[in-house]
PDB file of N, CA and C in Angstrom:
ATOM      1  N   MET A   1      47.430 111.875 144.205  1.00  0.00           N
ATOM      2  CA  MET A   1      48.886 111.775 143.544  1.00  0.00           C
ATOM      3  C   MET A   1      48.499 112.164 142.025  1.00  0.00           C
ATOM      4  N   PRO A   2      47.684 112.355 141.363  1.00  0.00           N
ATOM      5  CA  PRO A   2      47.495 112.555 139.817  1.00  0.00           C
ATOM      6  C   PRO A   2      48.508 113.195 139.579  1.00  0.00           C
ATOM      7  N   ASN A   3      49.634 114.477 140.126  1.00  0.00           N
ATOM      8  CA  ASN A   3      50.108 115.326 139.678  1.00  0.00           C
ATOM      9  C   ASN A   3      51.731 115.415 139.763  1.00  0.00           C
ATOM     10  N   GLU A   4      51.572 113.812 140.398  1.00  0.00           N
ATOM     11  CA  GLU A   4      52.974 113.395 141.257  1.00  0.00           C
ATOM     12  C   GLU A   4      53.418 112.323 140.289  1.00  0.00           C
ATOM     13  N   ASN A   5      55.107 112.318 140.461  1.00  0.00           N
ATOM     14  CA  ASN A   5      55.184 111.405 139.491  1.00  0.00           C
ATOM     15  C   ASN A   5      55.660 109.840 140.304  1.00  0.00           C
ATOM     16  N   PRO A   6      54.827 108.838 140.084  1.00  0.00           N
ATOM     17  CA  PRO A   6      54.517 107.747 140.485  1.00  0.00           C
ATOM     18  C   PRO A   6      55.864 107.206 140.992  1.00  0.00           C
ATOM     19  N   PHE A   7      56.881 107.260 140.465  1.00  0.00           N
ATOM     20  CA  PHE A   7      57.996 106.229 140.524  1.00  0.00           C
ATOM     21  C   PHE A   7      58.975 106.922 141.721  1.00  0.00           C
ATOM     22  N   ILE A   8      58.818 105.874 142.455  1.00  0.00           N
ATOM     23  CA  ILE A   8      59.235 106.736 144.031  1.00  0.00           C
ATOM     24  C   ILE A   8      60.320 105.590 144.713  1.00  0.00           C
ATOM     25  N   TRP A   9      60.583 104.676 143.708  1.00  0.00           N
ATOM     26  CA  TRP A   9      61.697 103.225 144.257  1.00  0.00           C
ATOM     27  C   TRP A   9      61.842 103.436 143.472  1.00  0.00           C
ATOM     28  N   HIS A  10      63.888 102.212 143.383  1.00  0.00           N
ATOM     29  CA  HIS A  10      64.198 101.759 142.694  1.00  0.00           C
ATOM     30  C   HIS A  10      64.775 101.110 142.958  1.00  0.00           C
ATOM     31  N   GLU A  11      64.560  99.390 142.681  1.00  0.00           N
ATOM     32  CA  GLU A  11      65.647  98.422 143.566  1.00  0.00           C
ATOM     33  C   GLU A  11      66.571  97.181 142.267  1.00  0.00           C
ATOM     34  N   LEU A  12      67.402  97.063 142.888  1.00  0.00           N
ATOM     35  CA  LEU A  12      68.639  96.032 141.739  1.00  0.00           C
ATOM     36  C   LEU A  12      68.364  94.965 143.252  1.00  0.00           C
ATOM     37  N   VAL A  13      67.542  93.618 142.459  1.00  0.00           N
ATOM     38  CA  VAL A  13      67.184  92.364 142.681  1.00  0.00           C
ATOM     39  C   VAL A  13      68.520  91.480 141.941  1.00  0.00           C
ATOM     40  N   THR A  14      69.641  91.063 142.498  1.00  0.00           N
ATOM     41  CA  THR A  14      71.013  90.515 142.176  1.00  0.00           C
ATOM     42  C   THR A  14      71.315  88.889 143.381  1.00  0.00           C
ATOM     43  N   PRO A  15      71.811  88.160 142.995  1.00  0.00           N
ATOM     44  CA  PRO A  15      72.312  87.294 143.831  1.00  0.00           C
ATOM     45  C   PRO A  15      74.003  87.622 144.521  1.00  0.00           C
ATOM     46  N   ASP A  16      74.434  88.364 144.023  1.00  0.00           N
ATOM     47  CA  ASP A  16      75.543  89.057 143.874  1.00  0.00           C
ATOM     48  C   ASP A  16      75.765  90.311 144.406  1.00  0.00           C
ATOM     49  N   GLN A  17      75.079  90.559 145.638  1.00  0.00           N
ATOM     50  CA  GLN A  17      75.335  92.355 145.767  1.00  0.00           C
ATOM     51  C   GLN A  17      76.307  92.657 146.119  1.00  0.00           C
ATOM     52  N   GLN A  18      77.626  92.081 146.761  1.00  0.00           N
ATOM     53  CA  GLN A  18      78.874  92.451 146.926  1.00  0.00           C
ATOM     54  C   GLN A  18      78.876  92.997 146.000  1.00  0.00           C
ATOM     55  N   THR A  19      79.359  92.239 144.389  1.00  0.00           N
ATOM     56  CA  THR A  19      79.912  92.469 142.868  1.00  0.00           C
ATOM     57  C   THR A  19      79.106  93.902 142.632  1.00  0.00           C
ATOM     58  N   SER A  20      77.595  93.509 142.523  1.00  0.00           N
ATOM     59  CA  SER A  20      76.895  94.942 141.939  1.00  0.00           C
ATOM     60  C   SER A  20      77.134  96.181 143.080  1.00  0.00           C
ATOM     61  N   GLY A  21      76.666  95.782 144.161  1.00  0.00           N
ATOM     62  CA  GLY A  21      77.129  96.904 145.187  1.00  0.00           C
ATOM     63  C   GLY A  21      78.339  98.017 144.966  1.00  0.00           C
ATOM     64  N   GLU A  22      79.492  97.420 144.682  1.00  0.00           N
ATOM     65  CA  GLU A  22      80.601  97.961 144.482  1.00  0.00           C
ATOM     66  C   GLU A  22      80.881  98.191 142.910  1.00  0.00           C
ATOM     67  N   PHE A  23      80.015  97.960 141.999  1.00  0.00           N
ATOM     68  CA  PHE A  23      80.302  98.669 140.637  1.00  0.00           C
ATOM     69  C   PHE A  23      79.250  99.576 140.754  1.00  0.00           C
ATOM     70  N   PHE A  24      78.278  99.621 141.149  1.00  0.00           N
ATOM     71  CA  PHE A  24      77.476 100.920 141.658  1.00  0.00           C
ATOM     72  C   PHE A  24      77.939 102.218 142.562  1.00  0.00           C
ATOM     73  N   ARG A  25      78.386 101.908 143.306  1.00  0.00           N
ATOM     74  CA  ARG A  25      79.014 102.432 144.216  1.00  0.00           C
ATOM     75  C   ARG A  25      80.459 103.672 143.808  1.00  0.00           C
ATOM     76  N   GLN A  26      81.327 102.727 142.693  1.00  0.00           N
ATOM     77  CA  GLN A  26      81.870 102.941 142.310  1.00  0.00           C
ATOM     78  C   GLN A  26      81.673 104.181 140.814  1.00  0.00           C
ATOM     79  N   LEU A  27      80.442 103.432 139.989  1.00  0.00           N
ATOM     80  CA  LEU A  27      80.425 104.579 139.010  1.00  0.00           C
ATOM     81  C   LEU A  27      79.492 105.681 139.217  1.00  0.00           C
ATOM     82  N   PHE A  28      78.426 105.455 140.011  1.00  0.00           N
ATOM     83  CA  PHE A  28      77.697 106.887 140.911  1.00  0.00           C
ATOM     84  C   PHE A  28      78.253 107.318 141.840  1.00  0.00           C
ATOM     85  N   GLY A  29      78.994 107.410 142.712  1.00  0.00           N
ATOM     86  CA  GLY A  29      79.736 107.646 143.738  1.00  0.00           C
ATOM     87  C   GLY A  29      78.994 107.064 145.108  1.00  0.00           C
ATOM     88  N   TRP A  30      78.281 106.164 144.960  1.00  0.00           N
ATOM     89  CA  TRP A  30      77.170 105.999 145.906  1.00  0.00           C
ATOM     90  C   TRP A  30      77.914 105.814 147.119  1.00  0.00           C
ATOM     91  N   THR A  31      77.453 105.962 148.130  1.00  0.00           N
ATOM     92  CA  THR A  31      77.815 104.898 149.477  1.00  0.00           C
ATOM     93  C   THR A  31      76.555 103.788 149.560  1.00  0.00           C
ATOM     94  N   SER A  32      76.546 102.924 150.759  1.00  0.00           N
ATOM     95  CA  SER A  32      75.590 102.173 150.788  1.00  0.00           C
ATOM     96  C   SER A  32      75.561 101.648 152.292  1.00  0.00           C
ATOM     97  N   ARG A  33      74.556 102.095 153.032  1.00  0.00           N
ATOM     98  CA  ARG A  33      74.360 100.989 154.478  1.00  0.00           C
ATOM     99  C   ARG A  33      73.371  99.470 154.044  1.00  0.00           C
ATOM    100  N   GLU A  34      73.958  98.815 155.222  1.00  0.00           N
ATOM    101  CA  GLU A  34      72.960  97.820 155.168  1.00  0.00           C
ATOM    102  C   GLU A  34      71.996  97.328 156.357  1.00  0.00           C
ATOM    103  N   VAL A  35      70.878  97.166 155.954  1.00  0.00           N
ATOM    104  CA  VAL A  35      69.635  96.589 157.116  1.00  0.00           C
ATOM    105  C   VAL A  35      69.475  95.097 156.819  1.00  0.00           C
ATOM    106  N   ASP A  36      69.357  94.735 158.158  1.00  0.00           N
ATOM    107  CA  ASP A  36      68.892  92.881 158.344  1.00  0.00           C
ATOM    108  C   ASP A  36      67.775  92.895 157.615  1.00  0.00           C
ATOM    109  N   ALA A  37      67.228  92.591 156.881  1.00  0.00           N
ATOM    110  CA  ALA A  37      65.960  91.953 156.433  1.00  0.00           C
ATOM    111  C   ALA A  37      65.233  90.551 156.351  1.00  0.00           C
ATOM    112  N   GLY A  38      65.817  90.338 157.650  1.00  0.00           N
ATOM    113  CA  GLY A  38      65.346  88.874 158.614  1.00  0.00           C
ATOM    114  C   GLY A  38      65.551  87.731 157.494  1.00  0.00           C
ATOM    115  N   PRO A  39      64.583  86.645 156.866  1.00  0.00           N
ATOM    116  CA  PRO A  39      64.685  85.973 156.248  1.00  0.00           C
ATOM    117  C   PRO A  39      64.691  86.104 154.537  1.00  0.00           C
ATOM    118  N   PHE A  40      64.952  87.245 154.224  1.00  0.00           N
ATOM    119  CA  PHE A  40      65.202  87.501 152.847  1.00  0.00           C
ATOM    120  C   PHE A  40      66.720  88.181 152.988  1.00  0.00           C
ATOM    121  N   GLY A  41      67.292  88.211 153.957  1.00  0.00           N
ATOM    122  CA  GLY A  41      69.281  87.890 154.345  1.00  0.00           C
ATOM    123  C   GLY A  41      69.867  89.780 154.513  1.00  0.00           C
ATOM    124  N   THR A  42      70.125  89.931 153.332  1.00  0.00           N
ATOM    125  CA  THR A  42      70.378  91.725 153.582  1.00  0.00           C
ATOM    126  C   THR A  42      69.966  92.514 152.511  1.00  0.00           C
ATOM    127  N   TYR A  43      69.636  93.605 152.954  1.00  0.00           N
ATOM    128  CA  TYR A  43      69.084  94.530 151.920  1.00  0.00           C
ATOM    129  C   TYR A  43      69.580  95.634 152.479  1.00  0.00           C
ATOM    130  N   THR A  44      70.336  96.503 150.718  1.00  0.00           N
ATOM    131  CA  THR A  44      71.431  97.525 150.894  1.00  0.00           C
ATOM    132  C   THR A  44      70.671  98.872 150.380  1.00  0.00           C
ATOM    133  N   VAL A  45      71.022  99.659 150.955  1.00  0.00           N
ATOM    134  CA  VAL A  45      70.334 101.421 150.677  1.00  0.00           C
ATOM    135  C   VAL A  45      71.654 101.954 150.300  1.00  0.00           C
ATOM    136  N   PHE A  46      71.325 102.062 148.633  1.00  0.00           N
ATOM    137  CA  PHE A  46      72.195 103.002 148.358  1.00  0.00           C
ATOM    138  C   PHE A  46      72.143 104.619 148.977  1.00  0.00           C
ATOM    139  N   GLN A  47      73.060 105.697 148.826  1.00  0.00           N
ATOM    140  CA  GLN A  47      73.146 107.412 149.287  1.00  0.00           C
ATOM    141  C   GLN A  47      73.646 107.713 148.324  1.00  0.00           C
ATOM    142  N   LYS A  48      73.447 108.741 147.760  1.00  0.00           N
ATOM    143  CA  LYS A  48      74.218 109.773 147.391  1.00  0.00           C
ATOM    144  C   LYS A  48      73.807 110.958 148.715  1.00  0.00           C
ATOM    145  N   ASP A  49      75.291 111.706 148.892  1.00  0.00           N
ATOM    146  CA  ASP A  49      74.828 113.003 149.623  1.00  0.00           C
ATOM    147  C   ASP A  49      74.532 113.020 150.687  1.00  0.00           C
ATOM    148  N   GLY A  50      74.427 111.775 151.432  1.00  0.00           N
ATOM    149  CA  GLY A  50      73.168 111.642 152.490  1.00  0.00           C
ATOM    150  C   GLY A  50      72.061 110.917 152.099  1.00  0.00           C
ATOM    151  N   GLN A  51      71.257 110.944 151.147  1.00  0.00           N
ATOM    152  CA  GLN A  51      70.101 110.632 150.647  1.00  0.00           C
ATOM    153  C   GLN A  51      70.033 109.303 149.980  1.00  0.00           C
ATOM    154  N   ASP A  52      68.911 108.776 150.994  1.00  0.00           N
ATOM    155  CA  ASP A  52      68.674 107.236 150.353  1.00  0.00           C
ATOM    156  C   ASP A  52      67.846 107.522 148.503  1.00  0.00           C
ATOM    157  N   VAL A  53      68.575 107.063 147.670  1.00  0.00           N
ATOM    158  CA  VAL A  53      68.661 106.864 146.139  1.00  0.00           C
ATOM    159  C   VAL A  53      68.027 105.716 145.113  1.00  0.00           C
ATOM    160  N   ALA A  54      68.044 104.211 145.766  1.00  0.00           N
ATOM    161  CA  ALA A  54      68.096 103.124 145.357  1.00  0.00           C
ATOM    162  C   ALA A  54      68.394 101.803 146.597  1.00  0.00           C
ATOM    163  N   GLY A  55      67.537 100.749 146.503  1.00  0.00           N
ATOM    164  CA  GLY A  55      67.875  99.363 147.164  1.00  0.00           C
ATOM    165  C   GLY A  55      68.444  98.326 146.474  1.00  0.00           C
ATOM    166  N   MET A  56      69.091  97.686 146.883  1.00  0.00           N
ATOM    167  CA  MET A  56      69.359  96.232 146.558  1.00  0.00           C
ATOM    168  C   MET A  56      68.958  94.911 147.518  1.00  0.00           C
ATOM    169  N   MET A  57      68.562  94.060 146.611  1.00  0.00           N
ATOM    170  CA  MET A  57      68.011  92.966 147.715  1.00  0.00           C
ATOM    171  C   MET A  57      68.618  91.464 147.215  1.00  0.00           C
ATOM    172  N   ASN A  58      68.709  90.216 147.647  1.00  0.00           N
ATOM    173  CA  ASN A  58      68.745  88.965 147.224  1.00  0.00           C
ATOM    174  C   ASN A  58      67.254  88.629 146.349  1.00  0.00           C
ATOM    175  N   PRO A  59      67.500  87.718 145.718  1.00  0.00           N
ATOM    176  CA  PRO A  59      66.742  87.160 144.778  1.00  0.00           C
ATOM    177  C   PRO A  59      65.314  86.391 145.673  1.00  0.00           C
ATOM    178  N   THR A  60      63.922  86.439 145.979  1.00  0.00           N
ATOM    179  CA  THR A  60      63.120  85.702 146.608  1.00  0.00           C
ATOM    180  C   THR A  60      62.622  84.729 145.593  1.00  0.00           C
ATOM    181  N   PRO A  61      61.916  83.808 146.401  1.00  0.00           N
ATOM    182  CA  PRO A  61      61.179  82.938 146.006  1.00  0.00           C
ATOM    183  C   PRO A  61      60.204  83.362 144.616  1.00  0.00           C
ATOM    184  N   GLU A  62      59.815  84.486 144.411  1.00  0.00           N
ATOM    185  CA  GLU A  62      58.645  84.946 144.032  1.00  0.00           C
ATOM    186  C   GLU A  62      59.341  85.569 142.289  1.00  0.00           C
ATOM    187  N   THR A  63      60.833  86.014 143.025  1.00  0.00           N
ATOM    188  CA  THR A  63      61.426  86.990 141.649  1.00  0.00           C
ATOM    189  C   THR A  63      61.277  86.115 140.436  1.00  0.00           C
ATOM    190  N   PRO A  64      60.630  87.447 139.366  1.00  0.00           N
ATOM    191  CA  PRO A  64      60.287  86.740 138.608  1.00  0.00           C
ATOM    192  C   PRO A  64      61.263  86.399 137.344  1.00  0.00           C
ATOM    193  N   SER A  65      62.698  86.572 137.790  1.00  0.00           N
ATOM    194  CA  SER A  65      63.728  86.154 136.690  1.00  0.00           C
ATOM    195  C   SER A  65      65.043  85.956 137.339  1.00  0.00           C
ATOM    196  N   LYS A  66      65.450  84.981 137.429  1.00  0.00           N
ATOM    197  CA  LYS A  66      66.781  84.410 137.732  1.00  0.00           C
ATOM    198  C   LYS A  66      68.056  85.027 137.276  1.00  0.00           C
ATOM    199  N   ASP A  67      67.875  86.439 136.286  1.00  0.00           N
ATOM    200  CA  ASP A  67      68.910  86.896 136.147  1.00  0.00           C
ATOM    201  C   ASP A  67      68.853  88.528 136.847  1.00  0.00           C
ATOM    202  N   PRO A  68      69.981  89.000 137.310  1.00  0.00           N
ATOM    203  CA  PRO A  68      69.892  90.202 137.803  1.00  0.00           C
ATOM    204  C   PRO A  68      69.389  91.060 137.233  1.00  0.00           C
ATOM    205  N   TYR A  69      68.789  92.012 138.039  1.00  0.00           N
ATOM    206  CA  TYR A  69      67.527  93.131 137.015  1.00  0.00           C
ATOM    207  C   TYR A  69      67.016  93.987 138.147  1.00  0.00           C
ATOM    208  N   TRP A  70      66.841  95.249 137.552  1.00  0.00           N
ATOM    209  CA  TRP A  70      66.255  96.380 138.443  1.00  0.00           C
ATOM    210  C   TRP A  70      64.653  96.748 137.953  1.00  0.00           C
ATOM    211  N   HIS A  71      64.259  96.852 139.211  1.00  0.00           N
ATOM    212  CA  HIS A  71      62.616  97.417 139.286  1.00  0.00           C
ATOM    213  C   HIS A  71      62.400  98.135 139.872  1.00  0.00           C
ATOM    214  N   SER A  72      61.045  99.374 139.574  1.00  0.00           N
ATOM    215  CA  SER A  72      60.510 100.230 140.293  1.00  0.00           C
ATOM    216  C   SER A  72      59.220 100.184 141.159  1.00  0.00           C
ATOM    217  N   TYR A  73      58.994 100.840 141.913  1.00  0.00           N
ATOM    218  CA  TYR A  73      57.897 101.014 143.104  1.00  0.00           C
ATOM    219  C   TYR A  73      57.087 102.013 142.285  1.00  0.00           C
ATOM    220  N   LEU A  74      55.769 101.706 142.257  1.00  0.00           N
ATOM    221  CA  LEU A  74      55.230 102.690 141.781  1.00  0.00           C
ATOM    222  C   LEU A  74      54.484 103.080 142.977  1.00  0.00           C
ATOM    223  N   ALA A  75      54.097 104.522 143.474  1.00  0.00           N
ATOM    224  CA  ALA A  75      52.747 105.023 144.713  1.00  0.00           C
ATOM    225  C   ALA A  75      51.781 104.766 144.132  1.00  0.00           C
ATOM    226  N   VAL A  76      50.577 104.349 144.731  1.00  0.00           N
ATOM    227  CA  VAL A  76      49.430 104.386 144.461  1.00  0.00           C
ATOM    228  C   VAL A  76      48.339 104.749 145.849  1.00  0.00           C
ATOM    229  N   GLU A  77      47.547 105.547 145.702  1.00  0.00           N
ATOM    230  CA  GLU A  77      46.509 105.731 147.150  1.00  0.00           C
ATOM    231  C   GLU A  77      45.836 104.215 147.740  1.00  0.00           C
ATOM    232  N   ASP A  78      45.710 103.247 147.094  1.00  0.00           N
ATOM    233  CA  ASP A  78      44.946 102.204 147.433  1.00  0.00           C
ATOM    234  C   ASP A  78      45.569 100.572 147.061  1.00  0.00           C
ATOM    235  N   VAL A  79      46.786 100.371 147.551  1.00  0.00           N
ATOM    236  CA  VAL A  79      47.193  98.908 147.317  1.00  0.00           C
ATOM    237  C   VAL A  79      46.175  97.761 147.159  1.00  0.00           C
ATOM    238  N   ASP A  80      45.433  97.807 147.765  1.00  0.00           N
ATOM    239  CA  ASP A  80      44.633  96.534 148.177  1.00  0.00           C
ATOM    240  C   ASP A  80      43.601  96.682 146.917  1.00  0.00           C
ATOM    241  N   ALA A  81      42.975  98.202 146.533  1.00  0.00           N
ATOM    242  CA  ALA A  81      42.306  97.854 145.365  1.00  0.00           C
ATOM    243  C   ALA A  81      42.688  97.763 144.469  1.00  0.00           C
ATOM    244  N   CYS A  82      43.851  98.110 144.182  1.00  0.00           N
ATOM    245  CA  CYS A  82      44.618  97.890 142.931  1.00  0.00           C
ATOM    246  C   CYS A  82      44.579  96.340 143.013  1.00  0.00           C
ATOM    247  N   ALA A  83      44.962  95.646 143.680  1.00  0.00           N
ATOM    248  CA  ALA A  83      45.569  94.623 143.522  1.00  0.00           C
ATOM    249  C   ALA A  83      44.238  93.775 143.406  1.00  0.00           C
ATOM    250  N   LYS A  84      42.854  94.089 143.980  1.00  0.00           N
ATOM    251  CA  LYS A  84      41.694  93.593 143.564  1.00  0.00           C
ATOM    252  C   LYS A  84      41.151  93.701 142.233  1.00  0.00           C
ATOM    253  N   GLN A  85      42.084  94.860 141.430  1.00  0.00           N
ATOM    254  CA  GLN A  85      41.551  95.194 139.921  1.00  0.00           C
ATOM    255  C   GLN A  85      41.891  94.144 139.341  1.00  0.00           C
ATOM    256  N   THR A  86      43.709  94.385 139.912  1.00  0.00           N
ATOM    257  CA  THR A  86      44.359  93.441 138.314  1.00  0.00           C
ATOM    258  C   THR A  86      43.684  92.316 137.587  1.00  0.00           C
ATOM    259  N   SER A  87      43.259  91.024 138.142  1.00  0.00           N
ATOM    260  CA  SER A  87      42.629  89.935 137.238  1.00  0.00           C
ATOM    261  C   SER A  87      41.658  90.496 136.069  1.00  0.00           C
ATOM    262  N   SER A  88      40.709  91.560 136.288  1.00  0.00           N
ATOM    263  CA  SER A  88      40.018  92.259 135.923  1.00  0.00           C
ATOM    264  C   SER A  88      40.548  93.141 134.741  1.00  0.00           C
ATOM    265  N   HIS A  89      41.368  93.326 134.831  1.00  0.00           N
ATOM    266  CA  HIS A  89      42.309  94.060 133.624  1.00  0.00           C
ATOM    267  C   HIS A  89      43.348  92.992 132.788  1.00  0.00           C
ATOM    268  N   GLY A  90      43.517  91.711 133.277  1.00  0.00           N
ATOM    269  CA  GLY A  90      44.218  90.750 132.336  1.00  0.00           C
ATOM    270  C   GLY A  90      45.494  90.348 132.570  1.00  0.00           C
ATOM    271  N   GLY A  91      45.399  91.399 134.373  1.00  0.00           N
ATOM    272  CA  GLY A  91      46.920  90.789 134.826  1.00  0.00           C
ATOM    273  C   GLY A  91      46.712  89.871 136.139  1.00  0.00           C
ATOM    274  N   ARG A  92      47.826  89.349 136.702  1.00  0.00           N
ATOM    275  CA  ARG A  92      47.673  88.966 137.797  1.00  0.00           C
ATOM    276  C   ARG A  92      48.376  88.916 139.132  1.00  0.00           C
ATOM    277  N   VAL A  93      48.103  88.767 140.014  1.00  0.00           N
ATOM    278  CA  VAL A  93      49.251  89.129 141.482  1.00  0.00           C
ATOM    279  C   VAL A  93      49.626  88.108 141.719  1.00  0.00           C
ATOM    280  N   ILE A  94      51.064  88.468 141.949  1.00  0.00           N
ATOM    281  CA  ILE A  94      52.381  87.814 141.972  1.00  0.00           C
ATOM    282  C   ILE A  94      52.672  87.954 143.295  1.00  0.00           C
ATOM    283  N   VAL A  95      52.601  88.754 144.126  1.00  0.00           N
ATOM    284  CA  VAL A  95      52.631  88.643 145.604  1.00  0.00           C
ATOM    285  C   VAL A  95      51.886  89.750 146.564  1.00  0.00           C
ATOM    286  N   PRO A  96      50.836  89.161 146.999  1.00  0.00           N
ATOM    287  CA  PRO A  96      49.850  90.212 147.273  1.00  0.00           C
ATOM    288  C   PRO A  96      50.347  91.181 148.274  1.00  0.00           C
ATOM    289  N   PRO A  97      49.040  92.190 148.499  1.00  0.00           N
ATOM    290  CA  PRO A  97      49.430  93.079 149.354  1.00  0.00           C
ATOM    291  C   PRO A  97      49.958  93.035 150.971  1.00  0.00           C
ATOM    292  N   HIS A  98      50.938  92.912 151.212  1.00  0.00           N
ATOM    293  CA  HIS A  98      51.780  93.095 152.812  1.00  0.00           C
ATOM    294  C   HIS A  98      52.364  94.560 153.335  1.00  0.00           C
ATOM    295  N   GLU A  99      53.156  94.363 154.486  1.00  0.00           N
ATOM    296  CA  GLU A  99      53.306  95.627 154.737  1.00  0.00           C
ATOM    297  C   GLU A  99      54.892  95.139 154.718  1.00  0.00           C
ATOM    298  N   VAL A 100      55.593  96.371 154.516  1.00  0.00           N
ATOM    299  CA  VAL A 100      56.857  96.576 154.459  1.00  0.00           C
ATOM    300  C   VAL A 100      57.086  97.501 155.783  1.00  0.00           C
ATOM    301  N   PRO A 101      57.815  97.811 157.048  1.00  0.00           N
ATOM    302  CA  PRO A 101      58.037  98.264 157.940  1.00  0.00           C
ATOM    303  C   PRO A 101      58.378  99.743 157.540  1.00  0.00           C
ATOM    304  N   GLU A 102      58.527 100.608 157.760  1.00  0.00           N
ATOM    305  CA  GLU A 102      59.048 102.089 157.696  1.00  0.00           C
ATOM    306  C   GLU A 102      59.201 102.618 155.995  1.00  0.00           C
ATOM    307  N   PHE A 103      58.227 101.434 154.994  1.00  0.00           N
ATOM    308  CA  PHE A 103      58.073 101.732 153.966  1.00  0.00           C
ATOM    309  C   PHE A 103      56.481 101.942 152.944  1.00  0.00           C
ATOM    310  N   GLY A 104      55.303 100.579 153.600  1.00  0.00           N
ATOM    311  CA  GLY A 104      54.188 101.184 153.392  1.00  0.00           C
ATOM    312  C   GLY A 104      53.207  99.595 152.649  1.00  0.00           C
ATOM    313  N   ARG A 105      52.598  99.379 152.144  1.00  0.00           N
ATOM    314  CA  ARG A 105      52.183  98.259 152.061  1.00  0.00           C
ATOM    315  C   ARG A 105      52.083  98.185 150.292  1.00  0.00           C
ATOM    316  N   VAL A 106      52.609  96.986 149.502  1.00  0.00           N
ATOM    317  CA  VAL A 106      53.385  96.554 148.768  1.00  0.00           C
ATOM    318  C   VAL A 106      52.753  95.108 148.454  1.00  0.00           C
ATOM    319  N   CYS A 107      52.553  95.562 146.967  1.00  0.00           N
ATOM    320  CA  CYS A 107      52.021  94.322 146.153  1.00  0.00           C
ATOM    321  C   CYS A 107      52.743  94.272 144.921  1.00  0.00           C
ATOM    322  N   MET A 108      53.121  93.051 144.436  1.00  0.00           N
ATOM    323  CA  MET A 108      54.062  92.626 142.888  1.00  0.00           C
ATOM    324  C   MET A 108      52.869  92.241 142.234  1.00  0.00           C
ATOM    325  N   VAL A 109      52.438  92.879 140.531  1.00  0.00           N
ATOM    326  CA  VAL A 109      51.588  92.910 140.123  1.00  0.00           C
ATOM    327  C   VAL A 109      52.385  92.340 138.321  1.00  0.00           C
ATOM    328  N   ALA A 110      51.798  91.666 138.110  1.00  0.00           N
ATOM    329  CA  ALA A 110      51.824  91.514 136.479  1.00  0.00           C
ATOM    330  C   ALA A 110      51.151  92.083 135.201  1.00  0.00           C
ATOM    331  N   ASP A 111      51.513  92.834 134.249  1.00  0.00           N
ATOM    332  CA  ASP A 111      50.134  93.253 133.484  1.00  0.00           C
ATOM    333  C   ASP A 111      50.157  91.918 132.075  1.00  0.00           C
ATOM    334  N   PRO A 112      49.368  91.738 131.273  1.00  0.00           N
ATOM    335  CA  PRO A 112      48.800  90.697 131.076  1.00  0.00           C
ATOM    336  C   PRO A 112      49.818  90.513 129.728  1.00  0.00           C
ATOM    337  N   THR A 113      51.538  91.225 129.247  1.00  0.00           N
ATOM    338  CA  THR A 113      52.416  90.412 129.022  1.00  0.00           C
ATOM    339  C   THR A 113      53.203  89.848 129.615  1.00  0.00           C
ATOM    340  N   GLY A 114      53.425  90.214 131.265  1.00  0.00           N
ATOM    341  CA  GLY A 114      54.265  89.746 132.182  1.00  0.00           C
ATOM    342  C   GLY A 114      55.047  90.567 132.623  1.00  0.00           C
ATOM    343  N   ALA A 115      55.004  91.786 132.167  1.00  0.00           N
ATOM    344  CA  ALA A 115      55.445  92.754 132.892  1.00  0.00           C
ATOM    345  C   ALA A 115      55.379  93.266 134.452  1.00  0.00           C
ATOM    346  N   VAL A 116      56.443  93.528 134.827  1.00  0.00           N
ATOM    347  CA  VAL A 116      56.195  93.046 136.544  1.00  0.00           C
ATOM    348  C   VAL A 116      56.341  94.416 137.058  1.00  0.00           C
ATOM    349  N   ALA A 117      55.295  94.989 137.927  1.00  0.00           N
ATOM    350  CA  ALA A 117      55.154  96.416 138.731  1.00  0.00           C
ATOM    351  C   ALA A 117      55.632  96.236 140.041  1.00  0.00           C
ATOM    352  N   HIS A 118      55.519  96.553 140.843  1.00  0.00           N
ATOM    353  CA  HIS A 118      55.785  96.391 142.308  1.00  0.00           C
ATOM    354  C   HIS A 118      54.804  98.115 142.749  1.00  0.00           C
ATOM    355  N   LEU A 119      53.171  97.916 143.448  1.00  0.00           N
ATOM    356  CA  LEU A 119      52.863  99.024 143.967  1.00  0.00           C
ATOM    357  C   LEU A 119      52.721  99.436 145.208  1.00  0.00           C
ATOM    358  N   VAL A 120      53.297 100.438 145.913  1.00  0.00           N
ATOM    359  CA  VAL A 120      53.148 100.881 146.619  1.00  0.00           C
ATOM    360  C   VAL A 120      52.272 101.608 147.513  1.00  0.00           C
ATOM    361  N   GLN A 121      51.458 101.755 148.741  1.00  0.00           N
ATOM    362  CA  GLN A 121      50.735 102.863 149.227  1.00  0.00           C
ATOM    363  C   GLN A 121      51.567 102.883 150.554  1.00  0.00           C
ATOM    364  N   PRO A 122      52.392 104.602 149.838  1.00  0.00           N
ATOM    365  CA  PRO A 122      53.371 104.939 151.204  1.00  0.00           C
ATOM    366  C   PRO A 122      53.356 104.953 152.934  1.00  0.00           C
ATOM    367  N   ALA A 123      53.876 104.254 153.011  1.00  0.00           N
ATOM    368  CA  ALA A 123      53.682 104.675 155.061  1.00  0.00           C
ATOM    369  C   ALA A 123      53.611 106.214 155.187  1.00  0.00           C
ATOM    370  N   LYS A 124      52.341 106.371 156.406  1.00  0.00           N
ATOM    371  CA  LYS A 124      52.488 107.495 156.483  1.00  0.00           C
ATOM    372  C   LYS A 124      53.723 107.956 157.443  1.00  0.00           C
ATOM    373  N   PRO A 125      54.101 109.655 157.061  1.00  0.00           N
ATOM    374  CA  PRO A 125      55.382 110.157 157.867  1.00  0.00           C
ATOM    375  C   PRO A 125      54.977 110.001 159.415  1.00  0.00           C
TER     376      PRO A 125
END
């Protein structure tokens, strides 16, 4: 993956998906579809010309901010190895590696300043 852009997905975390969704659909001409995210409620996938471009979800207990925010997912070759190395580089694991069906293996880490990154080992096609 060294020659590829590691930023592979962008996601809005908001307690008001209806208002935020309407704003971005109108602003960018996006459409959206909703996915049942089980205990996390509804997950919204934004689309442009039939292609998935971003997601939107409700806050979770691990959400680092009470205010709505966008965050990005960075592709890594081994999410478990990255999580294990996080503390040795001064960071911390906020959400340990876990499977997200049809997306990949994901974890949430924070750098030494508190900046959050979502790491994903993409699912094999």
